């Protein structure tokens, strides 16, 4: 299946590489959508799922990275809720998000 093509994420001071793999499983052998390894600066995304699922999974794994980078100490369930909430907020508020990105782009040029 086609990948979403995001190859790197920047989370605060960490640069995370993103790899797309044909098979990703839990320790018990069940399929896994994605996983982050903080110590290796790596996220793996299972590419056998549709693009939208890959995108949401990468956002979820990025939320794990934010949790680790900022020492938030959130549990898996809290990360899941938070990633879904912010994903929906971004999707339903594109004008606001574009405004933030516009101001950020101007500041980077200075």
Protein backbone atom coordinates (compact mmCIF):
# COMPACT_ATOMS: atom_id res chain seq x y z
CA UNK A 1 0.00 0.00 0.00
CA UNK A 2 1.11 3.57 -0.61
CA UNK A 3 2.69 5.45 2.31
CA UNK A 4 1.92 9.01 3.45
CA UNK A 5 5.52 9.99 2.75
CA UNK A 6 6.41 11.78 6.00
CA UNK A 7 10.05 10.82 6.63
CA UNK A 8 10.93 12.91 9.70
CA UNK A 9 9.26 14.54 12.68
CA UNK A 10 10.79 17.25 14.86
CA UNK A 11 9.58 17.02 18.44
CA UNK A 12 11.16 19.77 20.52
CA UNK A 13 14.87 18.92 20.47
CA UNK A 14 14.45 15.44 18.95
CA UNK A 15 14.52 14.50 15.29
CA UNK A 16 12.53 11.33 14.70
CA UNK A 17 12.91 9.24 11.53
CA UNK A 18 9.77 7.62 10.14
CA UNK A 19 9.91 4.24 8.42
CA UNK A 20 7.07 2.39 6.71
CA UNK A 21 7.10 -1.37 7.06
CA UNK A 22 5.06 -4.21 5.58
CA UNK A 23 4.64 -5.97 8.90
CA UNK A 24 4.57 -4.61 12.43
CA UNK A 25 3.44 -6.79 15.33
CA UNK A 26 3.16 -6.65 19.10
CA UNK A 27 5.14 -8.98 21.31
CA UNK A 28 2.16 -11.37 21.28
CA UNK A 29 2.09 -11.43 17.45
CA UNK A 30 -1.01 -9.26 16.94
CA UNK A 31 -0.80 -6.57 14.22
CA UNK A 32 0.33 -3.12 15.27
CA UNK A 33 -0.43 0.16 13.47
CA UNK A 34 2.71 1.94 14.66
CA UNK A 35 5.37 2.20 17.34
CA UNK A 36 7.92 4.76 18.49
CA UNK A 37 11.39 4.01 19.84
CA UNK A 38 12.58 7.16 21.63
CA UNK A 39 16.09 5.86 22.24
CA UNK A 40 16.58 5.23 18.50
CA UNK A 41 14.72 8.32 17.27
CA UNK A 42 12.48 6.10 15.17
CA UNK A 43 8.80 5.59 14.41
CA UNK A 44 7.64 2.64 12.36
CA UNK A 45 4.27 2.75 10.63
CA UNK A 46 2.53 -0.33 9.27
CA UNK A 47 2.00 0.51 5.59
CA UNK A 48 -0.57 -2.21 4.96
CA UNK A 49 -3.24 0.15 6.29
CA UNK A 50 -4.92 3.01 4.36
CA UNK A 51 -3.27 6.46 4.21
CA UNK A 52 -5.72 8.02 6.67
CA UNK A 53 -4.98 5.28 9.21
CA UNK A 54 -1.23 5.81 8.70
CA UNK A 55 -1.65 9.57 9.23
CA UNK A 56 -3.67 9.16 12.43
CA UNK A 57 -1.21 6.52 13.66
CA UNK A 58 1.78 8.78 13.02
CA UNK A 59 -0.01 11.58 14.90
CA UNK A 60 -0.62 9.15 17.80
CA UNK A 61 3.03 8.09 17.84
CA UNK A 62 4.10 11.76 17.69
CA UNK A 63 1.94 12.34 20.78
CA UNK A 64 3.93 9.58 22.49
CA UNK A 65 7.08 11.47 21.46
CA UNK A 66 5.73 14.73 22.91
CA UNK A 67 4.85 12.87 26.10
CA UNK A 68 8.42 11.58 26.36
CA UNK A 69 10.16 14.79 25.30
CA UNK A 70 8.26 16.94 27.80
CA UNK A 71 8.09 14.26 30.55
CA UNK A 72 4.30 14.48 30.78
CA UNK A 73 3.90 10.96 32.23
CA UNK A 74 0.67 10.20 30.36
CA UNK A 75 -0.70 6.67 30.17
CA UNK A 76 -1.55 5.00 26.82
CA UNK A 77 -5.26 5.75 27.20
CA UNK A 78 -4.57 9.42 27.90
CA UNK A 79 -2.26 9.64 24.89
CA UNK A 80 -4.93 8.02 22.73
CA UNK A 81 -7.60 10.51 23.83
CA UNK A 82 -5.25 13.48 23.51
CA UNK A 83 -4.04 12.50 20.04
CA UNK A 84 -7.63 12.00 18.80
CA UNK A 85 -8.76 15.30 20.35
CA UNK A 86 -5.94 17.37 18.82
CA UNK A 87 -6.23 15.60 15.47
CA UNK A 88 -9.93 16.48 15.33
CA UNK A 89 -9.21 20.04 16.46
CA UNK A 90 -6.70 20.48 13.62
CA UNK A 91 -9.09 18.96 11.05
CA UNK A 92 -12.05 21.11 12.10
CA UNK A 93 -10.10 24.38 12.48
CA UNK A 94 -7.99 24.69 9.30
CA UNK A 95 -8.18 28.51 9.15
CA UNK A 96 -6.81 28.79 12.70
CA UNK A 97 -4.05 26.24 11.97
CA UNK A 98 -3.05 28.07 8.75
CA UNK A 99 -2.86 31.32 10.71
CA UNK A 100 -0.51 29.74 13.26
CA UNK A 101 1.66 28.29 10.47
CA UNK A 102 1.74 31.66 8.70
CA UNK A 103 2.99 33.46 11.81
CA UNK A 104 5.52 30.69 12.47
CA UNK A 105 6.85 30.95 8.91
CA UNK A 106 7.31 34.72 9.26
CA UNK A 107 9.25 34.27 12.52
CA UNK A 108 11.55 31.64 10.97
CA UNK A 109 12.47 34.08 8.18
CA UNK A 110 13.75 36.68 10.67
